[in-house]
Amino acid sequence: MNSSSADKFRIAITLGRRTIHRIDQLVAANLYANRSRVIEQAIKEKFERIDRSQLARVCARLDPAFERSLAEGDFSEDLSGWPER
């Protein structure tokens, strides 16, 4: 999802010299247009990892036997109302 510049806000952050140097290396290698793009992409990827780990935790709480029974449920009554081909 691309954001227009109208959807963006300017903030100030403090980063260490080593981090800034690494960001500048990515920009110098033309992998990103500027520092903001590097930081924005890093944050986006972090949020995606958080979302995936939250999904994994939810899935781990699921009861496999119950989920299987739902997936393999008996739908014969539901099918009786459908027209034949």
PDB file of N, CA and C in Angstrom:
ATOM      1  N   MET A   1       0.840  -1.171   0.000  1.00  0.00           N
ATOM      2  CA  MET A   1       0.000   0.000   0.000  1.00  0.00           C
ATOM      3  C   MET A   1       0.888   1.238   0.000  1.00  0.00           C
ATOM      4  N   ASN A   2       0.753   2.053  -0.990  1.00  0.00           N
ATOM      5  CA  ASN A   2       1.518   3.287  -1.069  1.00  0.00           C
ATOM      6  C   ASN A   2       0.749   4.419  -0.413  1.00  0.00           C
ATOM      7  N   SER A   3       1.469   5.255   0.288  1.00  0.00           N
ATOM      8  CA  SER A   3       0.858   6.413   0.922  1.00  0.00           C
ATOM      9  C   SER A   3       1.226   7.653   0.145  1.00  0.00           C
ATOM     10  N   SER A   4       0.259   8.529  -0.027  1.00  0.00           N
ATOM     11  CA  SER A   4       0.577   9.801  -0.666  1.00  0.00           C
ATOM     12  C   SER A   4       1.283  10.684   0.348  1.00  0.00           C
ATOM     13  N   SER A   5       1.943  11.712  -0.126  1.00  0.00           N
ATOM     14  CA  SER A   5       2.657  12.599   0.785  1.00  0.00           C
ATOM     15  C   SER A   5       1.695  13.297   1.740  1.00  0.00           C
ATOM     16  N   ALA A   6       0.429  13.422   1.363  1.00  0.00           N
ATOM     17  CA  ALA A   6      -0.564  14.038   2.247  1.00  0.00           C
ATOM     18  C   ALA A   6      -0.841  13.159   3.463  1.00  0.00           C
ATOM     19  N   ASP A   7      -0.569  11.858   3.350  1.00  0.00           N
ATOM     20  CA  ASP A   7      -0.801  10.914   4.439  1.00  0.00           C
ATOM     21  C   ASP A   7       0.412  10.775   5.354  1.00  0.00           C
ATOM     22  N   LYS A   8       1.447  11.535   5.120  1.00  0.00           N
ATOM     23  CA  LYS A   8       2.691  11.386   5.870  1.00  0.00           C
ATOM     24  C   LYS A   8       2.908  12.551   6.805  1.00  0.00           C
ATOM     25  N   PHE A   9       3.619  12.267   7.868  1.00  0.00           N
ATOM     26  CA  PHE A   9       3.907  13.273   8.874  1.00  0.00           C
ATOM     27  C   PHE A   9       5.396  13.302   9.148  1.00  0.00           C
ATOM     28  N   ARG A  10       5.915  14.455   9.427  1.00  0.00           N
ATOM     29  CA  ARG A  10       7.326  14.628   9.735  1.00  0.00           C
ATOM     30  C   ARG A  10       7.507  14.470  11.244  1.00  0.00           C
ATOM     31  N   ILE A  11       8.484  13.635  11.621  1.00  0.00           N
ATOM     32  CA  ILE A  11       8.815  13.448  13.030  1.00  0.00           C
ATOM     33  C   ILE A  11      10.324  13.566  13.196  1.00  0.00           C
ATOM     34  N   ALA A  12      10.766  13.749  14.399  1.00  0.00           N
ATOM     35  CA  ALA A  12      12.205  13.784  14.683  1.00  0.00           C
ATOM     36  C   ALA A  12      12.546  12.542  15.505  1.00  0.00           C
ATOM     37  N   ILE A  13      13.628  11.871  15.126  1.00  0.00           N
ATOM     38  CA  ILE A  13      14.091  10.708  15.887  1.00  0.00           C
ATOM     39  C   ILE A  13      15.593  10.861  16.135  1.00  0.00           C
ATOM     40  N   THR A  14      16.059  10.159  17.124  1.00  0.00           N
ATOM     41  CA  THR A  14      17.479  10.167  17.436  1.00  0.00           C
ATOM     42  C   THR A  14      18.012   8.758  17.222  1.00  0.00           C
ATOM     43  N   LEU A  15      19.051   8.651  16.400  1.00  0.00           N
ATOM     44  CA  LEU A  15      19.667   7.362  16.108  1.00  0.00           C
ATOM     45  C   LEU A  15      21.162   7.464  16.341  1.00  0.00           C
ATOM     46  N   GLY A  16      21.757   6.341  16.629  1.00  0.00           N
ATOM     47  CA  GLY A  16      23.195   6.311  16.849  1.00  0.00           C
ATOM     48  C   GLY A  16      23.987   6.495  15.563  1.00  0.00           C
ATOM     49  N   ARG A  17      25.235   6.877  15.733  1.00  0.00           N
ATOM     50  CA  ARG A  17      26.133   7.127  14.591  1.00  0.00           C
ATOM     51  C   ARG A  17      26.245   5.890  13.690  1.00  0.00           C
ATOM     52  N   ARG A  18      26.382   4.728  14.287  1.00  0.00           N
ATOM     53  CA  ARG A  18      26.531   3.496  13.502  1.00  0.00           C
ATOM     54  C   ARG A  18      25.270   3.206  12.673  1.00  0.00           C
ATOM     55  N   THR A  19      24.106   3.435  13.280  1.00  0.00           N
ATOM     56  CA  THR A  19      22.849   3.215  12.561  1.00  0.00           C
ATOM     57  C   THR A  19      22.726   4.185  11.394  1.00  0.00           C
ATOM     58  N   ILE A  20      23.027   5.448  11.636  1.00  0.00           N
ATOM     59  CA  ILE A  20      22.977   6.452  10.562  1.00  0.00           C
ATOM     60  C   ILE A  20      23.944   6.085   9.443  1.00  0.00           C
ATOM     61  N   HIS A  21      25.132   5.613   9.805  1.00  0.00           N
ATOM     62  CA  HIS A  21      26.120   5.215   8.801  1.00  0.00           C
ATOM     63  C   HIS A  21      25.576   4.075   7.937  1.00  0.00           C
ATOM     64  N   ARG A  22      24.954   3.105   8.564  1.00  0.00           N
ATOM     65  CA  ARG A  22      24.390   1.971   7.798  1.00  0.00           C
ATOM     66  C   ARG A  22      23.254   2.432   6.900  1.00  0.00           C
ATOM     67  N   ILE A  23      22.409   3.324   7.403  1.00  0.00           N
ATOM     68  CA  ILE A  23      21.319   3.865   6.585  1.00  0.00           C
ATOM     69  C   ILE A  23      21.902   4.612   5.385  1.00  0.00           C
ATOM     70  N   ASP A  24      22.911   5.428   5.636  1.00  0.00           N
ATOM     71  CA  ASP A  24      23.546   6.186   4.553  1.00  0.00           C
ATOM     72  C   ASP A  24      24.182   5.267   3.519  1.00  0.00           C
ATOM     73  N   GLN A  25      24.710   4.132   3.940  1.00  0.00           N
ATOM     74  CA  GLN A  25      25.273   3.170   2.987  1.00  0.00           C
ATOM     75  C   GLN A  25      24.187   2.628   2.056  1.00  0.00           C
ATOM     76  N   LEU A  26      23.013   2.357   2.593  1.00  0.00           N
ATOM     77  CA  LEU A  26      21.906   1.862   1.764  1.00  0.00           C
ATOM     78  C   LEU A  26      21.468   2.920   0.755  1.00  0.00           C
ATOM     79  N   VAL A  27      21.431   4.164   1.188  1.00  0.00           N
ATOM     80  CA  VAL A  27      21.067   5.261   0.283  1.00  0.00           C
ATOM     81  C   VAL A  27      22.150   5.442  -0.780  1.00  0.00           C
ATOM     82  N   ALA A  28      23.413   5.400  -0.369  1.00  0.00           N
ATOM     83  CA  ALA A  28      24.523   5.565  -1.314  1.00  0.00           C
ATOM     84  C   ALA A  28      24.550   4.449  -2.348  1.00  0.00           C
ATOM     85  N   ALA A  29      24.103   3.262  -1.963  1.00  0.00           N
ATOM     86  CA  ALA A  29      24.065   2.131  -2.889  1.00  0.00           C
ATOM     87  C   ALA A  29      22.814   2.164  -3.775  1.00  0.00           C
ATOM     88  N   ASN A  30      22.052   3.258  -3.668  1.00  0.00           N
ATOM     89  CA  ASN A  30      20.818   3.436  -4.451  1.00  0.00           C
ATOM     90  C   ASN A  30      19.773   2.359  -4.178  1.00  0.00           C
ATOM     91  N   LEU A  31      19.787   1.801  -2.976  1.00  0.00           N
ATOM     92  CA  LEU A  31      18.765   0.835  -2.603  1.00  0.00           C
ATOM     93  C   LEU A  31      17.508   1.559  -2.103  1.00  0.00           C
ATOM     94  N   TYR A  32      17.682   2.774  -1.640  1.00  0.00           N
ATOM     95  CA  TYR A  32      16.590   3.625  -1.182  1.00  0.00           C
ATOM     96  C   TYR A  32      16.857   5.045  -1.647  1.00  0.00           C
ATOM     97  N   ALA A  33      15.790   5.805  -1.798  1.00  0.00           N
ATOM     98  CA  ALA A  33      15.927   7.182  -2.278  1.00  0.00           C
ATOM     99  C   ALA A  33      16.527   8.103  -1.224  1.00  0.00           C
ATOM    100  N   ASN A  34      16.214   7.836   0.039  1.00  0.00           N
ATOM    101  CA  ASN A  34      16.698   8.709   1.104  1.00  0.00           C
ATOM    102  C   ASN A  34      16.572   8.004   2.461  1.00  0.00           C
ATOM    103  N   ARG A  35      17.036   8.663   3.492  1.00  0.00           N
ATOM    104  CA  ARG A  35      16.999   8.083   4.840  1.00  0.00           C
ATOM    105  C   ARG A  35      15.574   7.766   5.281  1.00  0.00           C
ATOM    106  N   SER A  36      14.662   8.656   4.975  1.00  0.00           N
ATOM    107  CA  SER A  36      13.275   8.439   5.386  1.00  0.00           C
ATOM    108  C   SER A  36      12.720   7.136   4.830  1.00  0.00           C
ATOM    109  N   ARG A  37      13.043   6.834   3.579  1.00  0.00           N
ATOM    110  CA  ARG A  37      12.534   5.597   2.958  1.00  0.00           C
ATOM    111  C   ARG A  37      13.118   4.361   3.645  1.00  0.00           C
ATOM    112  N   VAL A  38      14.384   4.425   4.024  1.00  0.00           N
ATOM    113  CA  VAL A  38      15.015   3.300   4.728  1.00  0.00           C
ATOM    114  C   VAL A  38      14.290   3.060   6.045  1.00  0.00           C
ATOM    115  N   ILE A  39      14.111   4.106   6.804  1.00  0.00           N
ATOM    116  CA  ILE A  39      13.490   3.991   8.121  1.00  0.00           C
ATOM    117  C   ILE A  39      12.037   3.560   7.993  1.00  0.00           C
ATOM    118  N   GLU A  40      11.317   4.123   7.033  1.00  0.00           N
ATOM    119  CA  GLU A  40       9.915   3.762   6.826  1.00  0.00           C
ATOM    120  C   GLU A  40       9.784   2.276   6.479  1.00  0.00           C
ATOM    121  N   GLN A  41      10.649   1.778   5.598  1.00  0.00           N
ATOM    122  CA  GLN A  41      10.596   0.368   5.205  1.00  0.00           C
ATOM    123  C   GLN A  41      10.946  -0.540   6.389  1.00  0.00           C
ATOM    124  N   ALA A  42      11.931  -0.143   7.176  1.00  0.00           N
ATOM    125  CA  ALA A  42      12.322  -0.938   8.342  1.00  0.00           C
ATOM    126  C   ALA A  42      11.167  -1.043   9.340  1.00  0.00           C
ATOM    127  N   ILE A  43      10.488   0.055   9.566  1.00  0.00           N
ATOM    128  CA  ILE A  43       9.354   0.056  10.496  1.00  0.00           C
ATOM    129  C   ILE A  43       8.209  -0.791   9.937  1.00  0.00           C
ATOM    130  N   LYS A  44       7.948  -0.653   8.652  1.00  0.00           N
ATOM    131  CA  LYS A  44       6.889  -1.443   8.012  1.00  0.00           C
ATOM    132  C   LYS A  44       7.172  -2.939   8.162  1.00  0.00           C
ATOM    133  N   GLU A  45       8.416  -3.339   7.905  1.00  0.00           N
ATOM    134  CA  GLU A  45       8.783  -4.753   8.027  1.00  0.00           C
ATOM    135  C   GLU A  45       8.664  -5.232   9.473  1.00  0.00           C
ATOM    136  N   LYS A  46       9.014  -4.381  10.425  1.00  0.00           N
ATOM    137  CA  LYS A  46       8.882  -4.742  11.838  1.00  0.00           C
ATOM    138  C   LYS A  46       7.421  -4.963  12.194  1.00  0.00           C
ATOM    139  N   PHE A  47       6.533  -4.079  11.756  1.00  0.00           N
ATOM    140  CA  PHE A  47       5.107  -4.244  12.018  1.00  0.00           C
ATOM    141  C   PHE A  47       4.581  -5.533  11.390  1.00  0.00           C
ATOM    142  N   GLU A  48       5.046  -5.872  10.189  1.00  0.00           N
ATOM    143  CA  GLU A  48       4.622  -7.116   9.540  1.00  0.00           C
ATOM    144  C   GLU A  48       5.061  -8.329  10.353  1.00  0.00           C
ATOM    145  N   ARG A  49       6.289  -8.295  10.896  1.00  0.00           N
ATOM    146  CA  ARG A  49       6.761  -9.399  11.742  1.00  0.00           C
ATOM    147  C   ARG A  49       5.934  -9.509  13.016  1.00  0.00           C
ATOM    148  N   ILE A  50       5.595  -8.374  13.599  1.00  0.00           N
ATOM    149  CA  ILE A  50       4.748  -8.381  14.804  1.00  0.00           C
ATOM    150  C   ILE A  50       3.396  -9.005  14.479  1.00  0.00           C
ATOM    151  N   ASP A  51       2.806  -8.606  13.366  1.00  0.00           N
ATOM    152  CA  ASP A  51       1.503  -9.150  12.974  1.00  0.00           C
ATOM    153  C   ASP A  51       1.579 -10.654  12.751  1.00  0.00           C
ATOM    154  N   ARG A  52       2.650 -11.118  12.084  1.00  0.00           N
ATOM    155  CA  ARG A  52       2.794 -12.558  11.845  1.00  0.00           C
ATOM    156  C   ARG A  52       2.970 -13.320  13.150  1.00  0.00           C
ATOM    157  N   SER A  53       3.733 -12.764  14.092  1.00  0.00           N
ATOM    158  CA  SER A  53       3.946 -13.476  15.353  1.00  0.00           C
ATOM    159  C   SER A  53       2.661 -13.486  16.175  1.00  0.00           C
ATOM    160  N   GLN A  54       1.854 -12.422  16.101  1.00  0.00           N
ATOM    161  CA  GLN A  54       0.566 -12.421  16.792  1.00  0.00           C
ATOM    162  C   GLN A  54      -0.356 -13.472  16.188  1.00  0.00           C
ATOM    163  N   LEU A  55      -0.366 -13.588  14.868  1.00  0.00           N
ATOM    164  CA  LEU A  55      -1.175 -14.601  14.202  1.00  0.00           C
ATOM    165  C   LEU A  55      -0.710 -15.998  14.610  1.00  0.00           C
ATOM    166  N   ALA A  56       0.594 -16.208  14.674  1.00  0.00           N
ATOM    167  CA  ALA A  56       1.130 -17.510  15.069  1.00  0.00           C
ATOM    168  C   ALA A  56       0.706 -17.858  16.495  1.00  0.00           C
ATOM    169  N   ARG A  57       0.722 -16.864  17.392  1.00  0.00           N
ATOM    170  CA  ARG A  57       0.288 -17.125  18.775  1.00  0.00           C
ATOM    171  C   ARG A  57      -1.187 -17.501  18.836  1.00  0.00           C
ATOM    172  N   VAL A  58      -2.011 -16.829  18.044  1.00  0.00           N
ATOM    173  CA  VAL A  58      -3.438 -17.156  18.017  1.00  0.00           C
ATOM    174  C   VAL A  58      -3.643 -18.556  17.456  1.00  0.00           C
ATOM    175  N   CYS A  59      -2.947 -18.862  16.383  1.00  0.00           N
ATOM    176  CA  CYS A  59      -3.079 -20.189  15.769  1.00  0.00           C
ATOM    177  C   CYS A  59      -2.610 -21.295  16.713  1.00  0.00           C
ATOM    178  N   ALA A  60      -1.598 -21.007  17.500  1.00  0.00           N
ATOM    179  CA  ALA A  60      -1.089 -22.008  18.440  1.00  0.00           C
ATOM    180  C   ALA A  60      -2.121 -22.347  19.512  1.00  0.00           C
ATOM    181  N   ARG A  61      -3.036 -21.430  19.787  1.00  0.00           N
ATOM    182  CA  ARG A  61      -4.069 -21.677  20.796  1.00  0.00           C
ATOM    183  C   ARG A  61      -5.249 -22.466  20.241  1.00  0.00           C
ATOM    184  N   LEU A  62      -5.313 -22.644  18.929  1.00  0.00           N
ATOM    185  CA  LEU A  62      -6.428 -23.367  18.330  1.00  0.00           C
ATOM    186  C   LEU A  62      -6.333 -24.849  18.654  1.00  0.00           C
ATOM    187  N   ASP A  63      -7.474 -25.482  18.778  1.00  0.00           N
ATOM    188  CA  ASP A  63      -7.544 -26.926  19.020  1.00  0.00           C
ATOM    189  C   ASP A  63      -7.595 -27.627  17.666  1.00  0.00           C
ATOM    190  N   PRO A  64      -6.518 -28.330  17.283  1.00  0.00           N
ATOM    191  CA  PRO A  64      -6.480 -28.956  15.952  1.00  0.00           C
ATOM    192  C   PRO A  64      -7.650 -29.906  15.701  1.00  0.00           C
ATOM    193  N   ALA A  65      -8.053 -30.682  16.713  1.00  0.00           N
ATOM    194  CA  ALA A  65      -9.157 -31.627  16.524  1.00  0.00           C
ATOM    195  C   ALA A  65     -10.465 -30.881  16.250  1.00  0.00           C
ATOM    196  N   PHE A  66     -10.704 -29.808  16.986  1.00  0.00           N
ATOM    197  CA  PHE A  66     -11.918 -29.026  16.771  1.00  0.00           C
ATOM    198  C   PHE A  66     -11.905 -28.378  15.399  1.00  0.00           C
ATOM    199  N   GLU A  67     -10.770 -27.802  15.013  1.00  0.00           N
ATOM    200  CA  GLU A  67     -10.664 -27.167  13.697  1.00  0.00           C
ATOM    201  C   GLU A  67     -10.870 -28.186  12.582  1.00  0.00           C
ATOM    202  N   ARG A  68     -10.330 -29.392  12.748  1.00  0.00           N
ATOM    203  CA  ARG A  68     -10.495 -30.460  11.747  1.00  0.00           C
ATOM    204  C   ARG A  68     -11.971 -30.836  11.646  1.00  0.00           C
ATOM    205  N   SER A  69     -12.655 -30.937  12.805  1.00  0.00           N
ATOM    206  CA  SER A  69     -14.073 -31.303  12.776  1.00  0.00           C
ATOM    207  C   SER A  69     -14.891 -30.243  12.057  1.00  0.00           C
ATOM    208  N   LEU A  70     -14.530 -28.984  12.225  1.00  0.00           N
ATOM    209  CA  LEU A  70     -15.227 -27.930  11.490  1.00  0.00           C
ATOM    210  C   LEU A  70     -14.980 -28.055   9.988  1.00  0.00           C
ATOM    211  N   ALA A  71     -13.735 -28.319   9.635  1.00  0.00           N
ATOM    212  CA  ALA A  71     -13.368 -28.421   8.218  1.00  0.00           C
ATOM    213  C   ALA A  71     -14.002 -29.632   7.553  1.00  0.00           C
ATOM    214  N   GLU A  72     -14.161 -30.707   8.309  1.00  0.00           N
ATOM    215  CA  GLU A  72     -14.702 -31.948   7.750  1.00  0.00           C
ATOM    216  C   GLU A  72     -16.161 -32.141   8.122  1.00  0.00           C
ATOM    217  N   GLY A  73     -16.816 -31.079   8.530  1.00  0.00           N
ATOM    218  CA  GLY A  73     -18.201 -31.149   9.013  1.00  0.00           C
ATOM    219  C   GLY A  73     -19.140 -31.801   8.034  1.00  0.00           C
ATOM    220  N   ASP A  74     -20.209 -32.324   8.576  1.00  0.00           N
ATOM    221  CA  ASP A  74     -21.235 -32.986   7.767  1.00  0.00           C
ATOM    222  C   ASP A  74     -22.173 -31.919   7.216  1.00  0.00           C
ATOM    223  N   PHE A  75     -22.114 -31.703   5.918  1.00  0.00           N
ATOM    224  CA  PHE A  75     -22.934 -30.687   5.276  1.00  0.00           C
ATOM    225  C   PHE A  75     -24.083 -31.298   4.482  1.00  0.00           C
ATOM    226  N   SER A  76     -24.402 -32.582   4.733  1.00  0.00           N
ATOM    227  CA  SER A  76     -25.426 -33.254   3.937  1.00  0.00           C
ATOM    228  C   SER A  76     -26.775 -32.558   4.052  1.00  0.00           C
ATOM    229  N   GLU A  77     -27.120 -32.053   5.252  1.00  0.00           N
ATOM    230  CA  GLU A  77     -28.393 -31.347   5.400  1.00  0.00           C
ATOM    231  C   GLU A  77     -28.380 -30.048   4.594  1.00  0.00           C
ATOM    232  N   ASP A  78     -27.280 -29.362   4.600  1.00  0.00           N
ATOM    233  CA  ASP A  78     -27.188 -28.123   3.832  1.00  0.00           C
ATOM    234  C   ASP A  78     -27.308 -28.370   2.340  1.00  0.00           C
ATOM    235  N   LEU A  79     -26.787 -29.486   1.869  1.00  0.00           N
ATOM    236  CA  LEU A  79     -26.781 -29.793   0.453  1.00  0.00           C
ATOM    237  C   LEU A  79     -28.151 -30.202  -0.055  1.00  0.00           C
ATOM    238  N   SER A  80     -29.024 -30.659   0.829  1.00  0.00           N
ATOM    239  CA  SER A  80     -30.332 -31.132   0.386  1.00  0.00           C
ATOM    240  C   SER A  80     -31.154 -30.013  -0.253  1.00  0.00           C
ATOM    241  N   GLY A  81     -30.926 -28.784   0.113  1.00  0.00           N
ATOM    242  CA  GLY A  81     -31.676 -27.676  -0.457  1.00  0.00           C
ATOM    243  C   GLY A  81     -31.130 -27.159  -1.772  1.00  0.00           C
ATOM    244  N   TRP A  82     -29.977 -27.663  -2.191  1.00  0.00           N
ATOM    245  CA  TRP A  82     -29.356 -27.193  -3.433  1.00  0.00           C
ATOM    246  C   TRP A  82     -29.901 -27.978  -4.636  1.00  0.00           C
ATOM    247  N   PRO A  83     -30.107 -27.301  -5.738  1.00  0.00           N
ATOM    248  CA  PRO A  83     -30.589 -28.028  -6.943  1.00  0.00           C
ATOM    249  C   PRO A  83     -29.468 -28.911  -7.500  1.00  0.00           C
ATOM    250  N   GLU A  84     -29.893 -30.021  -8.109  1.00  0.00           N
ATOM    251  CA  GLU A  84     -28.914 -30.915  -8.733  1.00  0.00           C
ATOM    252  C   GLU A  84     -28.507 -30.342 -10.067  1.00  0.00           C
ATOM    253  N   ARG A  85     -27.334 -30.743 -10.531  1.00  0.00           N
ATOM    254  CA  ARG A  85     -26.822 -30.263 -11.830  1.00  0.00           C
ATOM    255  C   ARG A  85     -27.450 -30.980 -12.964  1.00  0.00           C
TER     256      ARG A  85
END
